């Protein structure tokens, strides 16, 4: 599975990395970071947060390049280059939301096959890095793909009943009010969304290290959701808590990107 080389466009070239934009297929726009050192490279698949895009990986580009990792990021449904007027992956149209989740999951699996077949990939060290909604959907992707060497989930969680009942994200509040008008409880929503609750997927992992990076003051993904996902993970796991809110990844004081890359490097280079 090879993207058309003519579709590749250089976005940025620096001392440590090359950033290109291309289409894996006509429906899946992507960004790729490659180090300037000779291949092969270990690889990271990155899923962004809600209302973000694949471009969020640019924040990590220099650190990834310096550390010798190639990385691929795609847009989730209705995000970035896949934005559609009036469409949202978290909306009162809960049936369409579920379909958007599944399309994002399927596109992620296509992207992973693309990485596997990329000539610069080292063929054995593939990692996952998801943020917020990217960590939630990514937990499902990880449960289906099962070939990651390590997984980093930043401000993610599980148990969609609790998320629907307690999250202060404006879109979740709108969903909550819409359900109330229809006399649908968060419990009923969780039953309808059972197939996209990370709790039912993360336990499928076997001996894959999972690193949780979470914020104790998070009101978007409540800590109770994080603990639910952590408890459901059966593989080797470690959780890190930071005294801040949902924007944890971008708070330089805590250095979460460097910590994640450090964990992945330890797995890759110190087996």
Protein backbone atom coordinates (compact mmCIF):
# COMPACT_ATOMS: atom_id res chain seq x y z
CA UNK A 1 0.00 0.00 0.00
CA UNK A 2 1.92 3.04 -1.27
CA UNK A 3 0.81 6.64 -1.39
CA UNK A 4 1.34 8.38 -4.71
CA UNK A 5 4.80 9.94 -4.50
CA UNK A 6 3.56 12.88 -6.56
CA UNK A 7 1.17 13.77 -3.76
CA UNK A 8 3.99 14.33 -1.25
CA UNK A 9 4.59 17.95 -0.37
CA UNK A 10 7.43 19.15 1.86
CA UNK A 11 6.02 21.30 4.67
CA UNK A 12 9.22 21.90 6.58
CA UNK A 13 12.82 20.75 6.53
CA UNK A 14 15.11 21.38 9.47
CA UNK A 15 18.36 20.12 10.95
CA UNK A 16 16.59 17.25 12.73
CA UNK A 17 13.56 16.32 10.64
CA UNK A 18 11.65 16.44 7.37
CA UNK A 19 7.90 17.08 7.53
CA UNK A 20 5.78 16.08 4.53
CA UNK A 21 2.07 16.08 3.73
CA UNK A 22 0.44 13.50 1.47
CA UNK A 23 -2.62 11.27 1.05
CA UNK A 24 -2.47 7.60 2.03
CA UNK A 25 -5.57 7.27 -0.12
CA UNK A 26 -8.04 9.92 -1.35
CA UNK A 27 -9.89 9.84 1.99
CA UNK A 28 -6.89 9.88 4.35
CA UNK A 29 -4.66 12.97 4.41
CA UNK A 30 -1.53 12.51 6.51
CA UNK A 31 1.58 14.19 7.86
CA UNK A 32 4.84 12.32 8.22
CA UNK A 33 7.91 13.23 10.23
CA UNK A 34 11.20 11.58 9.29
CA UNK A 35 14.57 12.13 10.97
CA UNK A 36 17.42 13.48 8.87
CA UNK A 37 19.62 10.58 9.97
CA UNK A 38 19.73 7.51 7.68
CA UNK A 39 16.87 4.97 7.95
CA UNK A 40 15.53 2.59 9.11
CA UNK A 41 13.55 4.15 11.97
CA UNK A 42 11.21 3.05 14.72
CA UNK A 43 7.77 4.58 14.09
CA UNK A 44 4.98 6.29 16.01
CA UNK A 45 1.34 6.54 14.95
CA UNK A 46 -0.25 9.70 16.40
CA UNK A 47 -3.94 10.51 16.89
CA UNK A 48 -4.81 14.09 17.80
CA UNK A 49 -7.33 15.51 20.26
CA UNK A 50 -10.91 16.70 19.68
CA UNK A 51 -11.03 19.82 17.49
CA UNK A 52 -7.37 19.29 16.68
CA UNK A 53 -5.85 17.85 13.52
CA UNK A 54 -2.89 15.90 12.22
CA UNK A 55 -1.02 19.23 12.25
CA UNK A 56 -0.79 18.96 16.06
CA UNK A 57 2.13 16.59 15.56
CA UNK A 58 4.25 19.54 14.40
CA UNK A 59 4.60 20.50 18.07
CA UNK A 60 6.49 17.24 18.55
CA UNK A 61 8.48 17.19 15.31
CA UNK A 62 11.87 18.41 16.51
CA UNK A 63 11.94 16.13 19.56
CA UNK A 64 10.87 13.14 17.46
CA UNK A 65 13.47 13.87 14.79
CA UNK A 66 16.27 14.30 17.33
CA UNK A 67 15.30 11.00 18.93
CA UNK A 68 15.33 9.09 15.65
CA UNK A 69 11.60 8.34 15.33
CA UNK A 70 9.54 8.61 12.19
CA UNK A 71 5.90 9.45 12.89
CA UNK A 72 2.61 9.46 11.02
CA UNK A 73 -0.49 11.48 11.90
CA UNK A 74 -3.91 11.46 10.24
CA UNK A 75 -7.06 13.55 10.68
CA UNK A 76 -9.92 11.97 12.58
CA UNK A 77 -13.32 12.11 10.92
CA UNK A 78 -14.62 15.72 10.59
CA UNK A 79 -11.25 17.20 11.61
CA UNK A 80 -8.50 19.03 9.75
CA UNK A 81 -8.69 18.45 6.00
CA UNK A 82 -11.69 16.19 6.60
CA UNK A 83 -13.86 18.93 8.11
CA UNK A 84 -17.45 19.01 6.84
CA UNK A 85 -19.78 21.93 7.51
CA UNK A 86 -22.32 21.06 10.19
CA UNK A 87 -20.67 17.72 11.03
CA UNK A 88 -19.07 16.78 14.35
CA UNK A 89 -17.73 13.52 15.75
CA UNK A 90 -19.30 14.46 19.12
CA UNK A 91 -22.83 15.67 18.43
CA UNK A 92 -26.41 14.98 19.51
CA UNK A 93 -26.65 12.71 16.45
CA UNK A 94 -25.27 9.77 18.40
CA UNK A 95 -25.71 7.25 15.59
CA UNK A 96 -23.62 9.34 13.21
CA UNK A 97 -21.06 9.89 15.98
CA UNK A 98 -20.64 6.15 16.32
CA UNK A 99 -20.16 5.77 12.55
CA UNK A 100 -17.55 8.56 12.64
CA UNK A 101 -15.69 6.70 15.40
CA UNK A 102 -15.66 3.53 13.31
CA UNK A 103 -14.45 5.37 10.20
CA UNK A 104 -11.61 6.87 12.23
CA UNK A 105 -10.73 3.43 13.58
CA UNK A 106 -10.74 1.88 10.11
CA UNK A 107 -8.65 4.73 8.68
CA UNK A 108 -6.18 4.27 11.53
CA UNK A 109 -5.78 0.60 10.67
CA UNK A 110 -5.14 1.54 7.03
CA UNK A 111 -2.53 4.07 8.19
CA UNK A 112 -0.84 1.40 10.30
CA UNK A 113 -0.58 -0.93 7.32
CA UNK A 114 0.96 1.97 5.41
CA UNK A 115 3.62 2.36 8.11
CA UNK A 116 4.31 -1.39 8.14
CA UNK A 117 5.04 -1.29 4.40
CA UNK A 118 7.04 1.93 4.41
CA UNK A 119 10.63 1.35 3.25
CA UNK A 120 12.07 3.51 6.04
CA UNK A 121 10.31 1.67 8.89
CA UNK A 122 12.56 -0.68 10.87
CA UNK A 123 9.89 -3.42 10.68
CA UNK A 124 9.63 -4.13 14.40
CA UNK A 125 9.27 -1.02 16.61
CA UNK A 126 5.85 0.60 16.11
CA UNK A 127 4.30 2.72 18.87
CA UNK A 128 1.00 4.50 19.49
CA UNK A 129 0.54 8.01 20.91
CA UNK A 130 -2.98 9.38 21.41
CA UNK A 131 -4.22 12.57 23.06
CA UNK A 132 -7.68 13.05 24.60
CA UNK A 133 -10.21 11.80 22.02
CA UNK A 134 -7.20 10.38 20.16
CA UNK A 135 -6.37 8.35 23.28
CA UNK A 136 -9.99 7.19 23.62
CA UNK A 137 -10.35 6.11 19.99
CA UNK A 138 -6.73 4.99 20.00
CA UNK A 139 -7.39 2.52 22.81
CA UNK A 140 -9.84 0.79 20.45
CA UNK A 141 -7.31 0.89 17.61
CA UNK A 142 -4.66 -0.63 19.89
CA UNK A 143 -7.04 -3.38 20.97
CA UNK A 144 -7.69 -4.28 17.33
CA UNK A 145 -4.18 -3.86 15.95
CA UNK A 146 -2.28 -5.59 18.77
CA UNK A 147 1.18 -5.14 17.22
CA UNK A 148 2.40 -2.04 19.04
CA UNK A 149 5.57 -2.25 21.10
CA UNK A 150 4.38 0.50 23.44
CA UNK A 151 1.37 2.78 23.91
CA UNK A 152 1.09 6.30 25.36
CA UNK A 153 -2.37 7.60 26.26
CA UNK A 154 -2.46 11.29 27.21
CA UNK A 155 -5.55 12.60 29.08
CA UNK A 156 -7.59 9.64 27.87
CA UNK A 157 -10.12 7.47 29.64
CA UNK A 158 -12.89 4.92 29.38
CA UNK A 159 -16.41 4.27 30.68
CA UNK A 160 -18.56 6.34 28.33
CA UNK A 161 -21.42 6.43 30.84
CA UNK A 162 -19.31 8.45 33.28
CA UNK A 163 -17.90 10.57 30.46
CA UNK A 164 -21.39 11.38 29.17
CA UNK A 165 -22.61 12.20 32.67
CA UNK A 166 -19.70 14.25 34.02
CA UNK A 167 -17.55 15.73 31.24
CA UNK A 168 -17.69 19.53 31.03
CA UNK A 169 -16.65 19.58 27.37
CA UNK A 170 -19.24 21.76 25.64
CA UNK A 171 -20.05 19.09 23.05
CA UNK A 172 -20.60 16.50 25.77
CA UNK A 173 -22.83 18.94 27.66
CA UNK A 174 -24.87 19.43 24.47
CA UNK A 175 -25.16 15.66 24.04
CA UNK A 176 -26.25 15.36 27.67
CA UNK A 177 -29.04 17.93 27.25
CA UNK A 178 -30.15 16.36 23.99
CA UNK A 179 -30.37 12.95 25.65
CA UNK A 180 -32.30 14.44 28.55
CA UNK A 181 -34.90 15.87 26.16
CA UNK A 182 -35.24 12.44 24.54
CA UNK A 183 -35.41 10.75 27.97
CA UNK A 184 -32.23 8.80 27.21
CA UNK A 185 -29.94 8.29 30.20
CA UNK A 186 -26.12 8.21 30.10
CA UNK A 187 -26.46 4.51 30.91
CA UNK A 188 -28.61 3.99 27.81
CA UNK A 189 -26.09 5.93 25.71
CA UNK A 190 -23.27 3.77 27.05
CA UNK A 191 -25.19 0.66 25.98
CA UNK A 192 -25.66 2.08 22.47
CA UNK A 193 -21.97 3.02 22.34
CA UNK A 194 -20.68 -0.16 23.96
CA UNK A 195 -18.67 -1.09 20.87
CA UNK A 196 -16.73 2.18 21.03
CA UNK A 197 -16.01 2.19 24.76
CA UNK A 198 -12.24 1.73 25.23
CA UNK A 199 -12.94 -0.43 28.29
CA UNK A 200 -14.03 -3.25 26.00
CA UNK A 201 -10.86 -3.11 23.89
CA UNK A 202 -7.85 -2.26 26.00
CA UNK A 203 -8.06 -5.58 27.84
CA UNK A 204 -7.31 -7.31 24.50
CA UNK A 205 -3.70 -6.17 24.71
CA UNK A 206 -1.16 -8.78 25.75
CA UNK A 207 2.19 -7.83 27.25
CA UNK A 208 2.28 -4.39 25.60
CA UNK A 209 3.45 -1.58 27.92
CA UNK A 210 0.78 1.10 28.29
CA UNK A 211 1.74 4.49 29.73
CA UNK A 212 -1.01 6.78 31.00
CA UNK A 213 -0.29 10.51 31.31
CA UNK A 214 -3.14 12.28 33.06
CA UNK A 215 -4.17 15.52 34.75
CA UNK A 216 -5.59 15.45 38.27
CA UNK A 217 -7.61 18.64 37.59
CA UNK A 218 -9.10 17.43 34.30
CA UNK A 219 -12.80 18.28 33.89
CA UNK A 220 -13.00 17.14 30.25
CA UNK A 221 -12.00 13.51 30.84
CA UNK A 222 -12.65 13.00 34.57
CA UNK A 223 -9.98 11.07 36.51
CA UNK A 224 -12.60 8.41 37.27
CA UNK A 225 -12.64 7.62 33.54
CA UNK A 226 -8.86 7.38 33.49
CA UNK A 227 -8.79 4.98 36.42
CA UNK A 228 -11.49 2.85 34.75
CA UNK A 229 -9.34 2.52 31.62
CA UNK A 230 -6.18 1.91 33.63
CA UNK A 231 -7.87 -0.85 35.64
CA UNK A 232 -9.17 -2.49 32.45
CA UNK A 233 -5.70 -2.64 30.87
CA UNK A 234 -4.30 -6.12 31.42
CA UNK A 235 -0.87 -5.55 29.92
CA UNK A 236 2.13 -3.97 31.75
CA UNK A 237 1.03 -0.45 32.64
CA UNK A 238 2.10 2.68 34.46
CA UNK A 239 0.20 5.85 35.25
CA UNK A 240 1.62 9.36 35.75
CA UNK A 241 -0.48 12.13 37.30
CA UNK A 242 0.21 15.85 36.94
CA UNK A 243 -1.40 18.71 38.92
CA UNK A 244 -2.99 20.48 35.96
CA UNK A 245 -5.90 20.37 33.51
CA UNK A 246 -6.72 18.84 30.15
CA UNK A 247 -4.02 20.78 28.23
CA UNK A 248 -1.29 18.69 29.86
CA UNK A 249 0.55 17.75 26.66
CA UNK A 250 1.39 21.37 25.83
CA UNK A 251 2.52 22.45 29.29
CA UNK A 252 6.28 22.56 28.88
CA UNK A 253 6.90 22.53 32.63
CA UNK A 254 5.83 18.88 32.84
CA UNK A 255 7.73 17.74 29.73
CA UNK A 256 5.26 15.01 28.80
CA UNK A 257 6.41 14.68 25.15
CA UNK A 258 9.99 14.08 26.24
CA UNK A 259 8.85 11.56 28.84
CA UNK A 260 6.86 9.61 26.24
CA UNK A 261 9.70 9.60 23.74
CA UNK A 262 11.99 8.48 26.55
CA UNK A 263 9.76 5.50 27.32
CA UNK A 264 9.55 4.54 23.64
CA UNK A 265 13.32 4.95 23.21
CA UNK A 266 13.97 2.68 26.16
CA UNK A 267 11.85 -0.05 24.57
CA UNK A 268 13.46 0.46 21.15
CA UNK A 269 17.12 0.79 22.04
CA UNK A 270 17.44 -1.04 25.37
CA UNK A 271 15.70 -4.36 24.78
